C-alpha cells in the first residue's frame, strides 16, 4: 500500500475529526446544548455552501466533509439552488426534500432496524 492510496482516508479522518474537536470544545467551554451545536453545524454548512467555500472542502476531504451535519446543510442548500434553477420558486420547497431524501431514508431504515434488534431503556 502506498501513500497515494491512504491519502483520501487520511484527509477524511482529519477534516471529520476537526469537526468533532470543534463540537467538543463548544460543549466543554460554552453553555451551548448539543442540540444547538448540531443546528449551528447545519446552518454553517448552508452558509459555507452558499458562499462557495464548502464544495472545495468536500472535494478535498470527501466523506470527512459530506457525512457530518455541515455536509447535510450543504446538501440541502445545493438542492435548493439546483431546484430553483429548474423549477423556479417552487424549487425552494422541493429542493431540500429531494436532495436529502436518500440520506434521510437510510437513517430512518437503520434506526427502525436498530429498534427491532435492541431493546430501549428509559433514562434514569
PDB file of N, CA and C in Angstrom:
ATOM      1  N   UNK A   1       0.836  -1.169   0.000  1.00  0.00           N
ATOM      2  CA  UNK A   1       0.000   0.000   0.000  1.00  0.00           C
ATOM      3  C   UNK A   1       0.888   1.241   0.000  1.00  0.00           C
ATOM      4  N   UNK A   2       0.605   2.146  -0.896  1.00  0.00           N
ATOM      5  CA  UNK A   2       1.408   3.359  -0.961  1.00  0.00           C
ATOM      6  C   UNK A   2       0.646   4.548  -0.357  1.00  0.00           C
ATOM      7  N   UNK A   3       1.335   5.667  -0.228  1.00  0.00           N
ATOM      8  CA  UNK A   3       0.759   6.857   0.391  1.00  0.00           C
ATOM      9  C   UNK A   3      -0.422   7.409  -0.401  1.00  0.00           C
ATOM     10  N   UNK A   4      -0.380   7.314  -1.726  1.00  0.00           N
ATOM     11  CA  UNK A   4      -1.468   7.845  -2.564  1.00  0.00           C
ATOM     12  C   UNK A   4      -2.792   7.138  -2.301  1.00  0.00           C
ATOM     13  N   UNK A   5      -2.747   5.859  -1.946  1.00  0.00           N
ATOM     14  CA  UNK A   5      -3.993   5.147  -1.695  1.00  0.00           C
ATOM     15  C   UNK A   5      -4.532   5.428  -0.290  1.00  0.00           C
ATOM     16  N   UNK A   6      -3.683   5.835   0.625  1.00  0.00           N
ATOM     17  CA  UNK A   6      -4.097   6.119   2.003  1.00  0.00           C
ATOM     18  C   UNK A   6      -4.516   7.574   2.172  1.00  0.00           C
ATOM     19  N   UNK A   7      -4.019   8.465   1.343  1.00  0.00           N
ATOM     20  CA  UNK A   7      -4.233   9.900   1.486  1.00  0.00           C
ATOM     21  C   UNK A   7      -5.710  10.316   1.555  1.00  0.00           C
ATOM     22  N   UNK A   8      -6.606   9.802   0.709  1.00  0.00           N
ATOM     23  CA  UNK A   8      -8.014  10.214   0.841  1.00  0.00           C
ATOM     24  C   UNK A   8      -8.617   9.861   2.201  1.00  0.00           C
ATOM     25  N   UNK A   9      -8.240   8.706   2.745  1.00  0.00           N
ATOM     26  CA  UNK A   9      -8.741   8.313   4.062  1.00  0.00           C
ATOM     27  C   UNK A   9      -8.185   9.221   5.158  1.00  0.00           C
ATOM     28  N   UNK A  10      -6.945   9.585   5.025  1.00  0.00           N
ATOM     29  CA  UNK A  10      -6.309  10.469   5.996  1.00  0.00           C
ATOM     30  C   UNK A  10      -6.962  11.853   5.987  1.00  0.00           C
ATOM     31  N   UNK A  11      -7.211  12.385   4.789  1.00  0.00           N
ATOM     32  CA  UNK A  11      -7.859  13.701   4.687  1.00  0.00           C
ATOM     33  C   UNK A  11      -9.264  13.656   5.281  1.00  0.00           C
ATOM     34  N   UNK A  12     -10.024  12.598   4.980  1.00  0.00           N
ATOM     35  CA  UNK A  12     -11.381  12.465   5.528  1.00  0.00           C
ATOM     36  C   UNK A  12     -11.333  12.381   7.053  1.00  0.00           C
ATOM     37  N   UNK A  13     -10.391  11.611   7.574  1.00  0.00           N
ATOM     38  CA  UNK A  13     -10.253  11.464   9.018  1.00  0.00           C
ATOM     39  C   UNK A  13      -9.895  12.796   9.678  1.00  0.00           C
ATOM     40  N   UNK A  14      -8.973  13.539   9.092  1.00  0.00           N
ATOM     41  CA  UNK A  14      -8.539  14.797   9.684  1.00  0.00           C
ATOM     42  C   UNK A  14      -9.640  15.857   9.673  1.00  0.00           C
ATOM     43  N   UNK A  15     -10.328  15.994   8.551  1.00  0.00           N
ATOM     44  CA  UNK A  15     -11.386  17.012   8.461  1.00  0.00           C
ATOM     45  C   UNK A  15     -12.581  16.615   9.317  1.00  0.00           C
ATOM     46  N   UNK A  16     -13.024  15.359   9.227  1.00  0.00           N
ATOM     47  CA  UNK A  16     -14.124  14.901  10.073  1.00  0.00           C
ATOM     48  C   UNK A  16     -13.772  15.000  11.543  1.00  0.00           C
ATOM     49  N   UNK A  17     -12.539  14.661  11.883  1.00  0.00           N
ATOM     50  CA  UNK A  17     -12.077  14.784  13.263  1.00  0.00           C
ATOM     51  C   UNK A  17     -12.035  16.224  13.732  1.00  0.00           C
ATOM     52  N   UNK A  18     -11.673  17.129  12.836  1.00  0.00           N
ATOM     53  CA  UNK A  18     -11.651  18.552  13.197  1.00  0.00           C
ATOM     54  C   UNK A  18     -13.060  19.044  13.530  1.00  0.00           C
ATOM     55  N   UNK A  19     -14.066  18.590  12.775  1.00  0.00           N
ATOM     56  CA  UNK A  19     -15.452  18.945  13.102  1.00  0.00           C
ATOM     57  C   UNK A  19     -15.814  18.438  14.504  1.00  0.00           C
ATOM     58  N   UNK A  20     -15.394  17.234  14.820  1.00  0.00           N
ATOM     59  CA  UNK A  20     -15.681  16.657  16.143  1.00  0.00           C
ATOM     60  C   UNK A  20     -14.962  17.429  17.250  1.00  0.00           C
ATOM     61  N   UNK A  21     -13.718  17.800  17.011  1.00  0.00           N
ATOM     62  CA  UNK A  21     -12.953  18.552  18.013  1.00  0.00           C
ATOM     63  C   UNK A  21     -13.616  19.903  18.284  1.00  0.00           C
ATOM     64  N   UNK A  22     -14.030  20.583  17.233  1.00  0.00           N
ATOM     65  CA  UNK A  22     -14.694  21.883  17.403  1.00  0.00           C
ATOM     66  C   UNK A  22     -15.972  21.726  18.216  1.00  0.00           C
ATOM     67  N   UNK A  23     -16.765  20.708  17.903  1.00  0.00           N
ATOM     68  CA  UNK A  23     -18.006  20.481  18.652  1.00  0.00           C
ATOM     69  C   UNK A  23     -17.712  20.168  20.110  1.00  0.00           C
ATOM     70  N   UNK A  24     -16.692  19.357  20.359  1.00  0.00           N
ATOM     71  CA  UNK A  24     -16.357  19.013  21.742  1.00  0.00           C
ATOM     72  C   UNK A  24     -15.885  20.233  22.522  1.00  0.00           C
ATOM     73  N   UNK A  25     -15.114  21.088  21.886  1.00  0.00           N
ATOM     74  CA  UNK A  25     -14.680  22.327  22.549  1.00  0.00           C
ATOM     75  C   UNK A  25     -15.886  23.204  22.863  1.00  0.00           C
ATOM     76  N   UNK A  26     -16.833  23.297  21.925  1.00  0.00           N
ATOM     77  CA  UNK A  26     -18.039  24.089  22.173  1.00  0.00           C
ATOM     78  C   UNK A  26     -18.850  23.509  23.328  1.00  0.00           C
ATOM     79  N   UNK A  27     -18.928  22.196  23.432  1.00  0.00           N
ATOM     80  CA  UNK A  27     -19.650  21.564  24.542  1.00  0.00           C
ATOM     81  C   UNK A  27     -18.949  21.846  25.865  1.00  0.00           C
ATOM     82  N   UNK A  28     -17.620  21.713  25.874  1.00  0.00           N
ATOM     83  CA  UNK A  28     -16.861  21.861  27.114  1.00  0.00           C
ATOM     84  C   UNK A  28     -16.711  23.303  27.576  1.00  0.00           C
ATOM     85  N   UNK A  29     -16.559  24.236  26.658  1.00  0.00           N
ATOM     86  CA  UNK A  29     -16.198  25.616  27.018  1.00  0.00           C
ATOM     87  C   UNK A  29     -17.358  26.612  26.971  1.00  0.00           C
ATOM     88  N   UNK A  30     -18.505  26.207  26.459  1.00  0.00           N
ATOM     89  CA  UNK A  30     -19.649  27.122  26.381  1.00  0.00           C
ATOM     90  C   UNK A  30     -20.844  26.482  27.072  1.00  0.00           C
ATOM     91  N   UNK A  31     -21.902  27.229  27.188  1.00  0.00           N
ATOM     92  CA  UNK A  31     -23.141  26.701  27.764  1.00  0.00           C
ATOM     93  C   UNK A  31     -24.107  26.254  26.674  1.00  0.00           C
ATOM     94  N   UNK A  32     -23.609  26.124  25.449  1.00  0.00           N
ATOM     95  CA  UNK A  32     -24.457  25.658  24.360  1.00  0.00           C
ATOM     96  C   UNK A  32     -24.824  24.191  24.564  1.00  0.00           C
ATOM     97  N   UNK A  33     -26.079  23.873  24.292  1.00  0.00           N
ATOM     98  CA  UNK A  33     -26.502  22.483  24.380  1.00  0.00           C
ATOM     99  C   UNK A  33     -26.065  21.755  23.108  1.00  0.00           C
ATOM    100  N   UNK A  34     -25.929  20.439  23.180  1.00  0.00           N
ATOM    101  CA  UNK A  34     -25.579  19.701  21.959  1.00  0.00           C
ATOM    102  C   UNK A  34     -26.556  19.941  20.815  1.00  0.00           C
ATOM    103  N   UNK A  35     -27.838  20.088  21.125  1.00  0.00           N
ATOM    104  CA  UNK A  35     -28.821  20.338  20.068  1.00  0.00           C
ATOM    105  C   UNK A  35     -28.534  21.659  19.348  1.00  0.00           C
ATOM    106  N   UNK A  36     -28.171  22.680  20.097  1.00  0.00           N
ATOM    107  CA  UNK A  36     -27.868  23.981  19.474  1.00  0.00           C
ATOM    108  C   UNK A  36     -26.595  23.906  18.632  1.00  0.00           C
ATOM    109  N   UNK A  37     -25.649  23.125  19.095  1.00  0.00           N
ATOM    110  CA  UNK A  37     -24.416  22.955  18.326  1.00  0.00           C
ATOM    111  C   UNK A  37     -24.716  22.230  17.020  1.00  0.00           C
ATOM    112  N   UNK A  38     -25.555  21.211  17.073  1.00  0.00           N
ATOM    113  CA  UNK A  38     -25.918  20.476  15.860  1.00  0.00           C
ATOM    114  C   UNK A  38     -26.640  21.374  14.866  1.00  0.00           C
ATOM    115  N   UNK A  39     -27.563  22.181  15.367  1.00  0.00           N
ATOM    116  CA  UNK A  39     -28.260  23.125  14.482  1.00  0.00           C
ATOM    117  C   UNK A  39     -27.267  24.128  13.906  1.00  0.00           C
ATOM    118  N   UNK A  40     -26.338  24.591  14.725  1.00  0.00           N
ATOM    119  CA  UNK A  40     -25.309  25.514  14.242  1.00  0.00           C
ATOM    120  C   UNK A  40     -24.465  24.890  13.138  1.00  0.00           C
ATOM    121  N   UNK A  41     -24.165  23.606  13.260  1.00  0.00           N
ATOM    122  CA  UNK A  41     -23.405  22.918  12.216  1.00  0.00           C
ATOM    123  C   UNK A  41     -24.183  22.860  10.907  1.00  0.00           C
ATOM    124  N   UNK A  42     -25.483  22.577  10.985  1.00  0.00           N
ATOM    125  CA  UNK A  42     -26.298  22.536   9.761  1.00  0.00           C
ATOM    126  C   UNK A  42     -26.337  23.918   9.113  1.00  0.00           C
ATOM    127  N   UNK A  43     -26.551  24.948   9.916  1.00  0.00           N
ATOM    128  CA  UNK A  43     -26.600  26.320   9.397  1.00  0.00           C
ATOM    129  C   UNK A  43     -25.243  26.718   8.816  1.00  0.00           C
ATOM    130  N   UNK A  44     -24.164  26.320   9.478  1.00  0.00           N
ATOM    131  CA  UNK A  44     -22.828  26.627   8.954  1.00  0.00           C
ATOM    132  C   UNK A  44     -22.614  25.962   7.603  1.00  0.00           C
ATOM    133  N   UNK A  45     -23.092  24.730   7.439  1.00  0.00           N
ATOM    134  CA  UNK A  45     -22.977  24.049   6.149  1.00  0.00           C
ATOM    135  C   UNK A  45     -23.749  24.766   5.055  1.00  0.00           C
ATOM    136  N   UNK A  46     -24.952  25.248   5.397  1.00  0.00           N
ATOM    137  CA  UNK A  46     -25.745  26.017   4.426  1.00  0.00           C
ATOM    138  C   UNK A  46     -25.015  27.304   4.060  1.00  0.00           C
ATOM    139  N   UNK A  47     -24.524  28.017   5.053  1.00  0.00           N
ATOM    140  CA  UNK A  47     -23.846  29.284   4.814  1.00  0.00           C
ATOM    141  C   UNK A  47     -22.567  29.094   3.996  1.00  0.00           C
ATOM    142  N   UNK A  48     -21.733  28.132   4.388  1.00  0.00           N
ATOM    143  CA  UNK A  48     -20.481  27.902   3.655  1.00  0.00           C
ATOM    144  C   UNK A  48     -20.748  27.413   2.236  1.00  0.00           C
ATOM    145  N   UNK A  49     -21.817  26.654   2.050  1.00  0.00           N
ATOM    146  CA  UNK A  49     -22.194  26.239   0.701  1.00  0.00           C
ATOM    147  C   UNK A  49     -22.681  27.410  -0.135  1.00  0.00           C
ATOM    148  N   UNK A  50     -23.424  28.327   0.499  1.00  0.00           N
ATOM    149  CA  UNK A  50     -23.960  29.485  -0.223  1.00  0.00           C
ATOM    150  C   UNK A  50     -22.865  30.415  -0.702  1.00  0.00           C
ATOM    151  N   UNK A  51     -21.793  30.549   0.076  1.00  0.00           N
ATOM    152  CA  UNK A  51     -20.720  31.454  -0.346  1.00  0.00           C
ATOM    153  C   UNK A  51     -19.622  30.734  -1.131  1.00  0.00           C
ATOM    154  N   UNK A  52     -19.821  29.447  -1.384  1.00  0.00           N
ATOM    155  CA  UNK A  52     -18.911  28.707  -2.252  1.00  0.00           C
ATOM    156  C   UNK A  52     -17.679  28.128  -1.594  1.00  0.00           C
ATOM    157  N   UNK A  53     -17.645  28.057  -0.262  1.00  0.00           N
ATOM    158  CA  UNK A  53     -16.472  27.526   0.419  1.00  0.00           C
ATOM    159  C   UNK A  53     -16.576  26.034   0.753  1.00  0.00           C
ATOM    160  N   UNK A  54     -17.790  25.489   0.775  1.00  0.00           N
ATOM    161  CA  UNK A  54     -17.932  24.103   1.213  1.00  0.00           C
ATOM    162  C   UNK A  54     -17.612  23.098   0.112  1.00  0.00           C
ATOM    163  N   UNK A  55     -17.915  23.425  -1.114  1.00  0.00           N
ATOM    164  CA  UNK A  55     -17.636  22.475  -2.213  1.00  0.00           C
ATOM    165  C   UNK A  55     -16.149  22.123  -2.327  1.00  0.00           C
ATOM    166  N   UNK A  56     -15.224  23.106  -2.275  1.00  0.00           N
ATOM    167  CA  UNK A  56     -13.805  22.727  -2.293  1.00  0.00           C
ATOM    168  C   UNK A  56     -13.419  21.834  -1.106  1.00  0.00           C
ATOM    169  N   UNK A  57     -14.075  22.046   0.043  1.00  0.00           N
ATOM    170  CA  UNK A  57     -13.804  21.206   1.201  1.00  0.00           C
ATOM    171  C   UNK A  57     -14.264  19.770   0.957  1.00  0.00           C
ATOM    172  N   UNK A  58     -15.417  19.594   0.313  1.00  0.00           N
ATOM    173  CA  UNK A  58     -15.892  18.242   0.011  1.00  0.00           C
ATOM    174  C   UNK A  58     -14.996  17.555  -1.014  1.00  0.00           C
ATOM    175  N   UNK A  59     -14.463  18.317  -1.946  1.00  0.00           N
ATOM    176  CA  UNK A  59     -13.542  17.726  -2.928  1.00  0.00           C
ATOM    177  C   UNK A  59     -12.233  17.313  -2.273  1.00  0.00           C
ATOM    178  N   UNK A  60     -11.803  18.060  -1.271  1.00  0.00           N
ATOM    179  CA  UNK A  60     -10.562  17.752  -0.574  1.00  0.00           C
ATOM    180  C   UNK A  60     -10.738  16.590   0.401  1.00  0.00           C
ATOM    181  N   UNK A  61     -11.803  16.638   1.216  1.00  0.00           N
ATOM    182  CA  UNK A  61     -11.947  15.692   2.318  1.00  0.00           C
ATOM    183  C   UNK A  61     -12.912  14.546   2.041  1.00  0.00           C
ATOM    184  N   UNK A  62     -13.694  14.612   0.986  1.00  0.00           N
ATOM    185  CA  UNK A  62     -14.631  13.535   0.690  1.00  0.00           C
ATOM    186  C   UNK A  62     -15.634  13.341   1.810  1.00  0.00           C
ATOM    187  N   UNK A  63     -15.741  12.093   2.295  1.00  0.00           N
ATOM    188  CA  UNK A  63     -16.723  11.762   3.331  1.00  0.00           C
ATOM    189  C   UNK A  63     -16.462  12.495   4.640  1.00  0.00           C
ATOM    190  N   UNK A  64     -15.251  12.951   4.872  1.00  0.00           N
ATOM    191  CA  UNK A  64     -14.958  13.713   6.079  1.00  0.00           C
ATOM    192  C   UNK A  64     -15.695  15.039   6.120  1.00  0.00           C
ATOM    193  N   UNK A  65     -16.143  15.517   4.957  1.00  0.00           N
ATOM    194  CA  UNK A  65     -16.891  16.767   4.895  1.00  0.00           C
ATOM    195  C   UNK A  65     -18.359  16.553   4.537  1.00  0.00           C
ATOM    196  N   UNK A  66     -18.693  15.456   3.873  1.00  0.00           N
ATOM    197  CA  UNK A  66     -20.082  15.251   3.459  1.00  0.00           C
ATOM    198  C   UNK A  66     -20.920  14.512   4.491  1.00  0.00           C
ATOM    199  N   UNK A  67     -20.314  13.714   5.352  1.00  0.00           N
ATOM    200  CA  UNK A  67     -21.065  12.929   6.329  1.00  0.00           C
ATOM    201  C   UNK A  67     -21.495  13.743   7.553  1.00  0.00           C
ATOM    202  N   UNK A  68     -20.673  14.644   8.107  1.00  0.00           N
ATOM    203  CA  UNK A  68     -21.137  15.408   9.283  1.00  0.00           C
ATOM    204  C   UNK A  68     -22.340  16.293   8.961  1.00  0.00           C
ATOM    205  N   UNK A  69     -22.924  16.875   9.981  1.00  0.00           N
ATOM    206  CA  UNK A  69     -24.110  17.709   9.792  1.00  0.00           C
ATOM    207  C   UNK A  69     -23.854  18.924   8.919  1.00  0.00           C
ATOM    208  N   UNK A  70     -22.648  19.414   8.882  1.00  0.00           N
ATOM    209  CA  UNK A  70     -22.351  20.523   7.969  1.00  0.00           C
ATOM    210  C   UNK A  70     -22.566  20.067   6.528  1.00  0.00           C
ATOM    211  N   UNK A  71     -22.243  18.825   6.235  1.00  0.00           N
ATOM    212  CA  UNK A  71     -22.478  18.267   4.902  1.00  0.00           C
ATOM    213  C   UNK A  71     -23.959  18.164   4.588  1.00  0.00           C
ATOM    214  N   UNK A  72     -24.772  17.876   5.608  1.00  0.00           N
ATOM    215  CA  UNK A  72     -26.218  17.835   5.422  1.00  0.00           C
ATOM    216  C   UNK A  72     -26.744  19.218   5.055  1.00  0.00           C
ATOM    217  N   UNK A  73     -26.278  20.238   5.777  1.00  0.00           N
ATOM    218  CA  UNK A  73     -26.691  21.606   5.459  1.00  0.00           C
ATOM    219  C   UNK A  73     -26.255  22.021   4.066  1.00  0.00           C
ATOM    220  N   UNK A  74     -25.023  21.654   3.712  1.00  0.00           N
ATOM    221  CA  UNK A  74     -24.520  21.958   2.368  1.00  0.00           C
ATOM    222  C   UNK A  74     -25.371  21.254   1.315  1.00  0.00           C
ATOM    223  N   UNK A  75     -25.721  20.013   1.548  1.00  0.00           N
ATOM    224  CA  UNK A  75     -26.527  19.244   0.603  1.00  0.00           C
ATOM    225  C   UNK A  75     -27.910  19.868   0.416  1.00  0.00           C
ATOM    226  N   UNK A  76     -28.513  20.334   1.505  1.00  0.00           N
ATOM    227  CA  UNK A  76     -29.812  20.993   1.415  1.00  0.00           C
ATOM    228  C   UNK A  76     -29.709  22.282   0.601  1.00  0.00           C
ATOM    229  N   UNK A  77     -28.703  23.095   0.882  1.00  0.00           N
ATOM    230  CA  UNK A  77     -28.536  24.359   0.152  1.00  0.00           C
ATOM    231  C   UNK A  77     -28.289  24.103  -1.333  1.00  0.00           C
ATOM    232  N   UNK A  78     -27.486  23.099  -1.622  1.00  0.00           N
ATOM    233  CA  UNK A  78     -27.209  22.752  -3.018  1.00  0.00           C
ATOM    234  C   UNK A  78     -28.483  22.276  -3.721  1.00  0.00           C
ATOM    235  N   UNK A  79     -29.293  21.485  -3.019  1.00  0.00           N
ATOM    236  CA  UNK A  79     -30.560  21.020  -3.590  1.00  0.00           C
ATOM    237  C   UNK A  79     -31.517  22.154  -3.871  1.00  0.00           C
ATOM    238  N   UNK A  80     -31.570  23.128  -2.967  1.00  0.00           N
ATOM    239  CA  UNK A  80     -32.440  24.291  -3.174  1.00  0.00           C
ATOM    240  C   UNK A  80     -31.985  25.071  -4.400  1.00  0.00           C
ATOM    241  N   UNK A  81     -30.695  25.314  -4.497  1.00  0.00           N
ATOM    242  CA  UNK A  81     -30.170  26.098  -5.622  1.00  0.00           C
ATOM    243  C   UNK A  81     -30.479  25.421  -6.959  1.00  0.00           C
ATOM    244  N   UNK A  82     -30.230  24.115  -7.041  1.00  0.00           N
ATOM    245  CA  UNK A  82     -30.486  23.388  -8.290  1.00  0.00           C
ATOM    246  C   UNK A  82     -31.974  23.365  -8.623  1.00  0.00           C
ATOM    247  N   UNK A  83     -32.832  23.145  -7.611  1.00  0.00           N
ATOM    248  CA  UNK A  83     -34.269  23.067  -7.853  1.00  0.00           C
ATOM    249  C   UNK A  83     -34.845  24.431  -8.238  1.00  0.00           C
ATOM    250  N   UNK A  84     -34.346  25.500  -7.637  1.00  0.00           N
ATOM    251  CA  UNK A  84     -34.829  26.836  -8.007  1.00  0.00           C
ATOM    252  C   UNK A  84     -34.428  27.152  -9.443  1.00  0.00           C
ATOM    253  N   UNK A  85     -33.225  26.750  -9.851  1.00  0.00           N
ATOM    254  CA  UNK A  85     -32.807  26.965 -11.237  1.00  0.00           C
ATOM    255  C   UNK A  85     -33.700  26.211 -12.212  1.00  0.00           C
ATOM    256  N   UNK A  86     -34.175  25.017 -11.826  1.00  0.00           N
ATOM    257  CA  UNK A  86     -35.003  24.197 -12.708  1.00  0.00           C
ATOM    258  C   UNK A  86     -36.487  24.558 -12.649  1.00  0.00           C
ATOM    259  N   UNK A  87     -37.040  24.757 -11.431  1.00  0.00           N
ATOM    260  CA  UNK A  87     -38.486  24.875 -11.247  1.00  0.00           C
ATOM    261  C   UNK A  87     -38.956  26.236 -10.784  1.00  0.00           C
ATOM    262  N   UNK A  88     -38.051  27.156 -10.569  1.00  0.00           N
ATOM    263  CA  UNK A  88     -38.436  28.462 -10.065  1.00  0.00           C
ATOM    264  C   UNK A  88     -38.633  28.448  -8.568  1.00  0.00           C
ATOM    265  N   UNK A  89     -39.517  29.299  -8.072  1.00  0.00           N
ATOM    266  CA  UNK A  89     -39.715  29.467  -6.646  1.00  0.00           C
ATOM    267  C   UNK A  89     -40.200  28.187  -5.958  1.00  0.00           C
ATOM    268  N   UNK A  90     -40.955  27.362  -6.658  1.00  0.00           N
ATOM    269  CA  UNK A  90     -41.416  26.102  -6.083  1.00  0.00           C
ATOM    270  C   UNK A  90     -40.241  25.200  -5.716  1.00  0.00           C
ATOM    271  N   UNK A  91     -39.131  25.338  -6.410  1.00  0.00           N
ATOM    272  CA  UNK A  91     -37.935  24.555  -6.111  1.00  0.00           C
ATOM    273  C   UNK A  91     -37.370  24.813  -4.734  1.00  0.00           C
ATOM    274  N   UNK A  92     -37.663  25.995  -4.154  1.00  0.00           N
ATOM    275  CA  UNK A  92     -37.194  26.289  -2.804  1.00  0.00           C
ATOM    276  C   UNK A  92     -37.844  25.359  -1.782  1.00  0.00           C
ATOM    277  N   UNK A  93     -39.024  24.853  -2.110  1.00  0.00           N
ATOM    278  CA  UNK A  93     -39.707  23.925  -1.211  1.00  0.00           C
ATOM    279  C   UNK A  93     -39.375  22.467  -1.513  1.00  0.00           C
ATOM    280  N   UNK A  94     -39.209  22.136  -2.778  1.00  0.00           N
ATOM    281  CA  UNK A  94     -38.968  20.734  -3.146  1.00  0.00           C
ATOM    282  C   UNK A  94     -37.492  20.359  -3.154  1.00  0.00           C
ATOM    283  N   UNK A  95     -36.623  21.317  -3.361  1.00  0.00           N
ATOM    284  CA  UNK A  95     -35.192  21.051  -3.474  1.00  0.00           C
ATOM    285  C   UNK A  95     -34.571  20.360  -2.274  1.00  0.00           C
ATOM    286  N   UNK A  96     -34.821  20.872  -1.048  1.00  0.00           N
ATOM    287  CA  UNK A  96     -34.198  20.215   0.102  1.00  0.00           C
ATOM    288  C   UNK A  96     -34.709  18.792   0.323  1.00  0.00           C
ATOM    289  N   UNK A  97     -35.974  18.573  -0.019  1.00  0.00           N
ATOM    290  CA  UNK A  97     -36.543  17.233   0.186  1.00  0.00           C
ATOM    291  C   UNK A  97     -35.911  16.211  -0.736  1.00  0.00           C
ATOM    292  N   UNK A  98     -35.746  16.565  -1.998  1.00  0.00           N
ATOM    293  CA  UNK A  98     -35.153  15.611  -2.931  1.00  0.00           C
ATOM    294  C   UNK A  98     -33.650  15.464  -2.714  1.00  0.00           C
ATOM    295  N   UNK A  99     -32.979  16.535  -2.310  1.00  0.00           N
ATOM    296  CA  UNK A  99     -31.532  16.469  -2.108  1.00  0.00           C
ATOM    297  C   UNK A  99     -31.168  15.598  -0.919  1.00  0.00           C
ATOM    298  N   UNK A 100     -31.992  15.633   0.108  1.00  0.00           N
ATOM    299  CA  UNK A 100     -31.665  14.904   1.336  1.00  0.00           C
ATOM    300  C   UNK A 100     -32.463  13.622   1.507  1.00  0.00           C
ATOM    301  N   UNK A 101     -33.252  13.245   0.505  1.00  0.00           N
ATOM    302  CA  UNK A 101     -34.138  12.095   0.650  1.00  0.00           C
ATOM    303  C   UNK A 101     -33.385  10.789   0.868  1.00  0.00           C
ATOM    304  N   UNK A 102     -32.318  10.562   0.146  1.00  0.00           N
ATOM    305  CA  UNK A 102     -31.581   9.308   0.272  1.00  0.00           C
ATOM    306  C   UNK A 102     -30.991   9.116   1.657  1.00  0.00           C
ATOM    307  N   UNK A 103     -30.317  10.126   2.157  1.00  0.00           N
ATOM    308  CA  UNK A 103     -29.712  10.037   3.482  1.00  0.00           C
ATOM    309  C   UNK A 103     -30.741   9.946   4.590  1.00  0.00           C
ATOM    310  N   UNK A 104     -31.828  10.691   4.455  1.00  0.00           N
ATOM    311  CA  UNK A 104     -32.880  10.651   5.460  1.00  0.00           C
ATOM    312  C   UNK A 104     -33.563   9.293   5.475  1.00  0.00           C
ATOM    313  N   UNK A 105     -33.846   8.752   4.301  1.00  0.00           N
ATOM    314  CA  UNK A 105     -34.476   7.430   4.222  1.00  0.00           C
ATOM    315  C   UNK A 105     -33.564   6.357   4.821  1.00  0.00           C
ATOM    316  N   UNK A 106     -32.281   6.424   4.528  1.00  0.00           N
ATOM    317  CA  UNK A 106     -31.337   5.446   5.089  1.00  0.00           C
ATOM    318  C   UNK A 106     -31.296   5.552   6.610  1.00  0.00           C
ATOM    319  N   UNK A 107     -31.274   6.762   7.141  1.00  0.00           N
ATOM    320  CA  UNK A 107     -31.252   6.943   8.597  1.00  0.00           C
ATOM    321  C   UNK A 107     -32.505   6.364   9.238  1.00  0.00           C
ATOM    322  N   UNK A 108     -33.655   6.575   8.613  1.00  0.00           N
ATOM    323  CA  UNK A 108     -34.897   6.035   9.156  1.00  0.00           C
ATOM    324  C   UNK A 108     -34.924   4.512   9.128  1.00  0.00           C
ATOM    325  N   UNK A 109     -34.485   3.932   8.026  1.00  0.00           N
ATOM    326  CA  UNK A 109     -34.478   2.468   7.903  1.00  0.00           C
ATOM    327  C   UNK A 109     -33.532   1.857   8.930  1.00  0.00           C
ATOM    328  N   UNK A 110     -32.319   2.388   9.053  1.00  0.00           N
ATOM    329  CA  UNK A 110     -31.360   1.831  10.011  1.00  0.00           C
ATOM    330  C   UNK A 110     -31.812   2.050  11.457  1.00  0.00           C
ATOM    331  N   UNK A 111     -32.462   3.180  11.737  1.00  0.00           N
ATOM    332  CA  UNK A 111     -32.987   3.405  13.082  1.00  0.00           C
ATOM    333  C   UNK A 111     -34.100   2.407  13.396  1.00  0.00           C
ATOM    334  N   UNK A 112     -34.956   2.140  12.426  1.00  0.00           N
ATOM    335  CA  UNK A 112     -36.031   1.165  12.623  1.00  0.00           C
ATOM    336  C   UNK A 112     -35.459  -0.231  12.854  1.00  0.00           C
ATOM    337  N   UNK A 113     -34.478  -0.618  12.047  1.00  0.00           N
ATOM    338  CA  UNK A 113     -33.859  -1.940  12.222  1.00  0.00           C
ATOM    339  C   UNK A 113     -33.166  -2.047  13.579  1.00  0.00           C
ATOM    340  N   UNK A 114     -32.518  -0.993  14.005  1.00  0.00           N
ATOM    341  CA  UNK A 114     -31.881  -0.997  15.325  1.00  0.00           C
ATOM    342  C   UNK A 114     -32.916  -1.139  16.438  1.00  0.00           C
ATOM    343  N   UNK A 115     -34.066  -0.480  16.269  1.00  0.00           N
ATOM    344  CA  UNK A 115     -35.128  -0.575  17.269  1.00  0.00           C
ATOM    345  C   UNK A 115     -35.689  -1.986  17.340  1.00  0.00           C
ATOM    346  N   UNK A 116     -35.696  -2.696  16.220  1.00  0.00           N
ATOM    347  CA  UNK A 116     -36.165  -4.081  16.222  1.00  0.00           C
ATOM    348  C   UNK A 116     -35.181  -5.018  16.918  1.00  0.00           C
ATOM    349  N   UNK A 117     -33.894  -4.746  16.767  1.00  0.00           N
ATOM    350  CA  UNK A 117     -32.861  -5.639  17.285  1.00  0.00           C
ATOM    351  C   UNK A 117     -32.568  -5.368  18.765  1.00  0.00           C
ATOM    352  N   UNK A 118     -32.518  -4.093  19.156  1.00  0.00           N
ATOM    353  CA  UNK A 118     -32.124  -3.746  20.519  1.00  0.00           C
ATOM    354  C   UNK A 118     -33.315  -3.240  21.311  1.00  0.00           C
ATOM    355  N   UNK A 119     -33.295  -3.516  22.616  1.00  0.00           N
ATOM    356  CA  UNK A 119     -34.373  -3.061  23.483  1.00  0.00           C
ATOM    357  C   UNK A 119     -33.964  -1.764  24.159  1.00  0.00           C
ATOM    358  N   UNK A 120     -34.791  -0.753  24.017  1.00  0.00           N
ATOM    359  CA  UNK A 120     -34.523   0.531  24.634  1.00  0.00           C
ATOM    360  C   UNK A 120     -34.850   0.521  26.121  1.00  0.00           C
ATOM    361  N   UNK A 121     -34.156   1.367  26.861  1.00  0.00           N
ATOM    362  CA  UNK A 121     -34.398   1.505  28.297  1.00  0.00           C
ATOM    363  C   UNK A 121     -34.661   2.976  28.599  1.00  0.00           C
ATOM    364  N   UNK A 122     -35.544   3.237  29.544  1.00  0.00           N
ATOM    365  CA  UNK A 122     -35.743   4.638  29.922  1.00  0.00           C
ATOM    366  C   UNK A 122     -34.503   5.179  30.617  1.00  0.00           C
ATOM    367  N   UNK A 123     -34.281   6.455  30.450  1.00  0.00           N
ATOM    368  CA  UNK A 123     -33.130   7.108  31.069  1.00  0.00           C
ATOM    369  C   UNK A 123     -33.440   7.353  32.546  1.00  0.00           C
ATOM    370  N   UNK A 124     -32.520   6.980  33.418  1.00  0.00           N
ATOM    371  CA  UNK A 124     -32.728   7.173  34.866  1.00  0.00           C
ATOM    372  C   UNK A 124     -32.246   8.517  35.308  1.00  0.00           C
TER     373      UNK A 124
END
